[in-house]
Amino acid sequence: EDGKPLRIDTIVLAVQHNPDVLNEQIVSDLKEQVVKGVCGSLVDENTKYHVNATGIFETGGPEADTGVTGRKIIVDTYG
């Protein structure tokens, strides 16, 4: 509306985590500690969440993918 977003339909997060933490806890913590602060009122009861949708994410960074693909992956260009 007037060039401003009304709401967020879907949030996709890939989050490295400790193997001892349940996915339900990860999702709950992210909603409370990250999404609320970043997205505020744009998130509503209809917002869909995809957290680690491709499975567990226990190992990340250079330990997980340096040299594996033989090319620079897009995630390496951020941050």
N, C-alpha and C. Protein backbone atom coordinates (compact mmCIF):
# COMPACT_ATOMS: atom_id res chain seq x y z
N GLU A 1 0.85 -1.17 0.00
CA GLU A 1 0.00 0.00 0.00
C GLU A 1 0.89 1.23 0.00
N ASP A 2 0.68 2.11 -0.96
CA ASP A 2 1.51 3.31 -1.11
C ASP A 2 3.00 2.97 -1.18
N GLY A 3 3.31 1.85 -1.83
CA GLY A 3 4.70 1.44 -1.99
C GLY A 3 5.33 0.79 -0.77
N LYS A 4 4.53 0.53 0.26
CA LYS A 4 5.04 -0.09 1.48
C LYS A 4 4.43 -1.48 1.64
N PRO A 5 5.20 -2.43 2.15
CA PRO A 5 4.65 -3.78 2.34
C PRO A 5 3.56 -3.79 3.41
N LEU A 6 2.57 -4.65 3.19
CA LEU A 6 1.48 -4.79 4.16
C LEU A 6 1.75 -5.91 5.15
N ARG A 7 2.38 -6.98 4.64
CA ARG A 7 2.65 -8.14 5.48
C ARG A 7 3.70 -9.01 4.82
N ILE A 8 4.23 -9.94 5.60
CA ILE A 8 5.18 -10.92 5.07
C ILE A 8 4.45 -12.24 4.93
N ASP A 9 4.46 -12.77 3.70
CA ASP A 9 3.78 -14.03 3.43
C ASP A 9 4.59 -15.22 3.92
N THR A 10 5.89 -15.23 3.61
CA THR A 10 6.73 -16.39 3.91
C THR A 10 8.11 -15.95 4.37
N ILE A 11 8.61 -16.62 5.40
CA ILE A 11 9.97 -16.38 5.89
C ILE A 11 10.75 -17.68 5.75
N VAL A 12 11.92 -17.59 5.11
CA VAL A 12 12.78 -18.75 4.90
C VAL A 12 14.09 -18.50 5.64
N LEU A 13 14.45 -19.40 6.54
CA LEU A 13 15.68 -19.26 7.32
C LEU A 13 16.48 -20.55 7.29
N ALA A 14 17.78 -20.42 7.05
CA ALA A 14 18.70 -21.54 7.18
C ALA A 14 19.60 -21.20 8.36
N VAL A 15 19.52 -21.99 9.42
CA VAL A 15 20.19 -21.65 10.67
C VAL A 15 21.01 -22.83 11.18
N GLN A 16 22.31 -22.62 11.28
CA GLN A 16 23.18 -23.66 11.84
C GLN A 16 22.84 -23.82 13.31
N HIS A 17 22.86 -25.06 13.79
CA HIS A 17 22.44 -25.31 15.16
C HIS A 17 23.19 -26.48 15.79
N ASN A 18 23.12 -26.54 17.09
CA ASN A 18 23.68 -27.63 17.87
C ASN A 18 22.81 -28.87 17.66
N PRO A 19 23.40 -30.04 17.47
CA PRO A 19 22.60 -31.25 17.23
C PRO A 19 21.69 -31.63 18.40
N ASP A 20 21.96 -31.10 19.58
CA ASP A 20 21.13 -31.43 20.75
C ASP A 20 19.86 -30.59 20.86
N VAL A 21 19.71 -29.59 19.99
CA VAL A 21 18.54 -28.70 20.06
C VAL A 21 17.48 -29.18 19.07
N LEU A 22 16.26 -29.34 19.54
CA LEU A 22 15.15 -29.78 18.69
C LEU A 22 14.73 -28.67 17.73
N ASN A 23 14.28 -29.06 16.54
CA ASN A 23 13.86 -28.10 15.54
C ASN A 23 12.73 -27.20 16.06
N GLU A 24 11.83 -27.75 16.84
CA GLU A 24 10.72 -26.95 17.38
C GLU A 24 11.25 -25.81 18.24
N GLN A 25 12.31 -26.07 19.00
CA GLN A 25 12.91 -25.04 19.85
C GLN A 25 13.59 -23.98 19.00
N ILE A 26 14.25 -24.42 17.93
CA ILE A 26 14.92 -23.48 17.03
C ILE A 26 13.90 -22.53 16.42
N VAL A 27 12.80 -23.08 15.92
CA VAL A 27 11.76 -22.26 15.30
C VAL A 27 11.17 -21.29 16.31
N SER A 28 10.86 -21.77 17.49
CA SER A 28 10.29 -20.92 18.54
C SER A 28 11.23 -19.78 18.91
N ASP A 29 12.49 -20.10 19.13
CA ASP A 29 13.48 -19.08 19.49
C ASP A 29 13.66 -18.06 18.38
N LEU A 30 13.71 -18.52 17.13
CA LEU A 30 13.88 -17.59 16.01
C LEU A 30 12.70 -16.64 15.89
N LYS A 31 11.50 -17.16 16.04
CA LYS A 31 10.32 -16.30 15.96
C LYS A 31 10.37 -15.22 17.04
N GLU A 32 10.71 -15.62 18.24
CA GLU A 32 10.70 -14.70 19.38
C GLU A 32 11.88 -13.74 19.38
N GLN A 33 13.09 -14.25 19.10
CA GLN A 33 14.29 -13.45 19.27
C GLN A 33 14.79 -12.76 18.01
N VAL A 34 14.36 -13.22 16.84
CA VAL A 34 14.85 -12.63 15.59
C VAL A 34 13.71 -12.02 14.78
N VAL A 35 12.76 -12.85 14.39
CA VAL A 35 11.70 -12.40 13.48
C VAL A 35 10.90 -11.24 14.07
N LYS A 36 10.52 -11.35 15.32
CA LYS A 36 9.74 -10.29 15.96
C LYS A 36 10.45 -8.94 15.89
N GLY A 37 11.73 -8.95 16.21
CA GLY A 37 12.50 -7.72 16.21
C GLY A 37 12.80 -7.16 14.84
N VAL A 38 12.97 -8.02 13.86
CA VAL A 38 13.31 -7.58 12.51
C VAL A 38 12.07 -7.25 11.69
N CYS A 39 11.05 -8.07 11.78
CA CYS A 39 9.88 -7.94 10.91
C CYS A 39 8.69 -7.25 11.56
N GLY A 40 8.65 -7.26 12.87
CA GLY A 40 7.59 -6.56 13.60
C GLY A 40 6.18 -6.93 13.18
N SER A 41 5.37 -5.91 12.94
CA SER A 41 3.95 -6.11 12.64
C SER A 41 3.68 -6.65 11.24
N LEU A 42 4.72 -6.81 10.42
CA LEU A 42 4.52 -7.36 9.08
C LEU A 42 4.26 -8.86 9.12
N VAL A 43 4.56 -9.48 10.26
CA VAL A 43 4.32 -10.91 10.45
C VAL A 43 2.96 -11.07 11.12
N ASP A 44 2.17 -12.01 10.60
CA ASP A 44 0.86 -12.26 11.21
C ASP A 44 0.63 -13.77 11.33
N GLU A 45 -0.56 -14.14 11.74
CA GLU A 45 -0.87 -15.56 11.96
C GLU A 45 -0.85 -16.39 10.68
N ASN A 46 -0.88 -15.72 9.52
CA ASN A 46 -0.85 -16.43 8.25
C ASN A 46 0.55 -16.53 7.64
N THR A 47 1.53 -15.91 8.27
CA THR A 47 2.90 -15.98 7.76
C THR A 47 3.39 -17.42 7.85
N LYS A 48 3.98 -17.89 6.76
CA LYS A 48 4.51 -19.25 6.70
C LYS A 48 6.01 -19.21 7.01
N TYR A 49 6.49 -20.23 7.70
CA TYR A 49 7.90 -20.33 8.06
C TYR A 49 8.49 -21.60 7.47
N HIS A 50 9.68 -21.47 6.89
CA HIS A 50 10.46 -22.61 6.43
C HIS A 50 11.83 -22.47 7.08
N VAL A 51 12.07 -23.23 8.14
CA VAL A 51 13.34 -23.16 8.87
C VAL A 51 14.10 -24.46 8.63
N ASN A 52 15.28 -24.33 8.06
CA ASN A 52 16.10 -25.50 7.71
C ASN A 52 15.26 -26.52 6.94
N ALA A 53 14.58 -26.04 5.94
CA ALA A 53 13.63 -26.85 5.18
C ALA A 53 14.28 -28.03 4.46
N THR A 54 15.58 -27.95 4.23
CA THR A 54 16.25 -29.06 3.55
C THR A 54 16.82 -30.09 4.52
N GLY A 55 16.61 -29.88 5.81
CA GLY A 55 17.08 -30.84 6.81
C GLY A 55 17.93 -30.19 7.87
N ILE A 56 18.66 -31.00 8.61
CA ILE A 56 19.48 -30.48 9.70
C ILE A 56 20.63 -29.64 9.16
N PHE A 57 21.08 -28.69 9.95
CA PHE A 57 22.17 -27.80 9.56
C PHE A 57 23.12 -27.68 10.75
N GLU A 58 23.85 -28.75 11.00
CA GLU A 58 24.75 -28.80 12.16
C GLU A 58 26.16 -28.34 11.84
N THR A 59 26.57 -28.46 10.59
CA THR A 59 27.91 -28.07 10.20
C THR A 59 27.82 -27.05 9.08
N GLY A 60 28.50 -25.94 9.23
CA GLY A 60 28.46 -24.90 8.22
C GLY A 60 29.82 -24.23 8.07
N GLY A 61 29.86 -23.20 7.28
CA GLY A 61 31.09 -22.45 7.07
C GLY A 61 32.11 -23.23 6.28
N PRO A 62 33.36 -22.80 6.34
CA PRO A 62 34.42 -23.44 5.55
C PRO A 62 34.56 -24.93 5.83
N GLU A 63 34.29 -25.34 7.07
CA GLU A 63 34.41 -26.75 7.42
C GLU A 63 33.47 -27.61 6.59
N ALA A 64 32.33 -27.06 6.23
CA ALA A 64 31.31 -27.83 5.53
C ALA A 64 31.45 -27.83 4.01
N ASP A 65 31.97 -26.72 3.42
CA ASP A 65 31.90 -26.70 1.97
C ASP A 65 33.12 -26.14 1.24
N THR A 66 34.18 -25.85 1.89
CA THR A 66 35.35 -25.33 1.19
C THR A 66 35.91 -26.39 0.25
N GLY A 67 35.99 -26.03 -1.00
CA GLY A 67 36.58 -26.92 -1.98
C GLY A 67 35.68 -28.04 -2.46
N VAL A 68 34.52 -28.19 -1.87
CA VAL A 68 33.64 -29.29 -2.25
C VAL A 68 33.10 -29.12 -3.66
N THR A 69 32.69 -27.89 -4.00
CA THR A 69 32.07 -27.68 -5.30
C THR A 69 33.07 -27.29 -6.37
N GLY A 70 34.23 -26.77 -5.95
CA GLY A 70 35.20 -26.31 -6.92
C GLY A 70 34.84 -24.96 -7.51
N ARG A 71 33.82 -24.33 -6.97
CA ARG A 71 33.41 -23.00 -7.43
C ARG A 71 32.92 -22.19 -6.23
N LYS A 72 32.81 -20.91 -6.43
CA LYS A 72 32.34 -20.03 -5.36
C LYS A 72 30.82 -20.14 -5.28
N ILE A 73 30.30 -20.41 -4.09
CA ILE A 73 28.86 -20.49 -3.94
C ILE A 73 28.31 -19.14 -3.49
N ILE A 74 27.07 -18.87 -3.82
CA ILE A 74 26.47 -17.55 -3.58
C ILE A 74 26.47 -17.16 -2.11
N VAL A 75 26.31 -18.10 -1.21
CA VAL A 75 26.26 -17.76 0.21
C VAL A 75 27.58 -17.15 0.69
N ASP A 76 28.67 -17.46 0.00
CA ASP A 76 29.97 -16.91 0.38
C ASP A 76 30.10 -15.42 0.05
N THR A 77 29.18 -14.87 -0.71
CA THR A 77 29.28 -13.47 -1.11
C THR A 77 28.56 -12.53 -0.15
N TYR A 78 27.87 -13.07 0.83
CA TYR A 78 27.14 -12.23 1.78
C TYR A 78 27.84 -12.21 3.12
N GLY A 79 27.75 -11.05 3.80
CA GLY A 79 28.27 -10.93 5.16
C GLY A 79 29.72 -10.73 5.18
